[in-house]
């Protein structure tokens, strides 16, 4: 079987063979996926299952999911013809006359307006006939519509559009990164992007597994809330927000979609229920979270090399600051530039004078506070002055080894993860060995196990060392978050809010030598544990995002 215009791929030369349908002719097993991941460039793919005759693979490093071999357009049309489904590339594929689709299009327009669409020109990447065209045009927007296949074949003018809207088309691209980069180049500076895409970490995808209706042969790639953000960052976007796509459904609409989807046990069940439910009940509207996410972002300028912002809070560290600072300044990071933000909190032991010696040093910013308000307050101040693509925290007490930087930032460089923790636990829970205070060291170690266990239970994690100083993350992770903790409870607040925002930390072992209280450790055994308990409870139940009127929202 051959095709003429595949959904983001070229026709396969062996389209008549079983391998073109995802099965090896020699072994009868799923054919091995080929080529590197377009997101992280890793070449190892984990086989998941066969969906509608095509194997599904997941990148073993970043989690991007894809169909392989990618079917041609002719193969897809033949599949739908055999399953009595509709043409997925037809003008009515989005049911333009559907109340659900029209209401969703209005909601997308409102989201775009809230993000501050800077002008009227909009590039819409969607199926022809999508209701967004008429709705947005009625509000004064100038819409140019392309499918993702037409986008791939087009040469868009540079910086032409004020905004871009992509509705359930990115997953059909032969390379999501290439499609996003093309859209990035077509947007004006600070142009806005609204993207709607099926998500494999949606409740429906997790619940239905390989029976999820979202597994469709025309969808070549599948993203989740993490990989879509990584793809956008790699493509030059910033200020990314991801929200579930909530819609009002009727049974009539679900039935129409089931008829258009590939035949599964679930779609057959929907059609059976539709036959027995009275007609008036078929039109009752229920609001549900769909299989998609709505993502918004801003076009940002792309750096030739990523920049790492190293935030260093300093207070009364005269004995260790100079050595720690020289180690950070002299640390070379291949392929990465760095800036150092020192936040000095008016020390009383001469540390401020040492810090001022770096005021004119290239790549160093010095922030002077009038009084000490705690480590958390100093780190928060450093975040406000950080301009890098990646951010990390570095103490000035020589407990950690700067030679671990390379391993910590590598997952961010290759788009594998957005959030990395440098774990001090390399197989031994006794990480604090105070030679002059053995009992105190044991108490600290036991306390760490207790508090880490509480965090893991409350937030459904499996972290060994969530309270490590080495926290490294993409700058966009902080977008939309506000922080309030001033002392060491900030370590809890930062991890909790990033976890609640959906980021999955990757723990990497690091070198660590703890100093004792007599050597200058500033944690209070009486005061700080109480603030940690309060942080664990408070941030578990408090709203995550603020609103413009000061109230909170989830």
Foldseek 3Di string as FASTA:
>chain_A
DWDDFFLADHTDPPCVDLQLLQADPVPRHGDAAAFAALQLRHGDWAWDQAALSWTKTAPPFFGKIFTPPQHGLVVQVVSCVVQLADNCQDQCNQPQVDPFQLVLLVVLVVVLVVVPQPDQEEEEADRHNRNNVVVSVVVVHDYDYDHLSVLVVDQADFQAGSEYEYEARLQLHPRSLVSLLSVLRNHHAFRKYKYKHFACPDPQNVVCPSQRLPPGSSRGIHHHPQSVVSSNVVSAWFLKDKAFRKTKAFLVVLLSNLRNTGDDPVSVVSVVVVVPDDPVRRPDIDIDGDRIMIMMTTGHDDDPAFEEEEEEEDEPQVPQQVVLVVQVVPDDAPRYHYAYEYEYAPYDPCVVVVVVVCCPPPRYHYHYHPHAQAPLVSVVVSLVVDDTQKYWYDYRNPFFHCVCVRVQCVCVVSSSFFKEAADQCPPDLQSADEVVCRPVSVVVSVVQVVLVVLLCVLLVADDDHLLHRTMMGGSSLCNQFDDDDHYSLSSVVVSLLSVVSPGHYHYDYGGGYDYDVVSPDDDDPPPVVVSNVVSSPDSSPDAGGADPVGHGDD
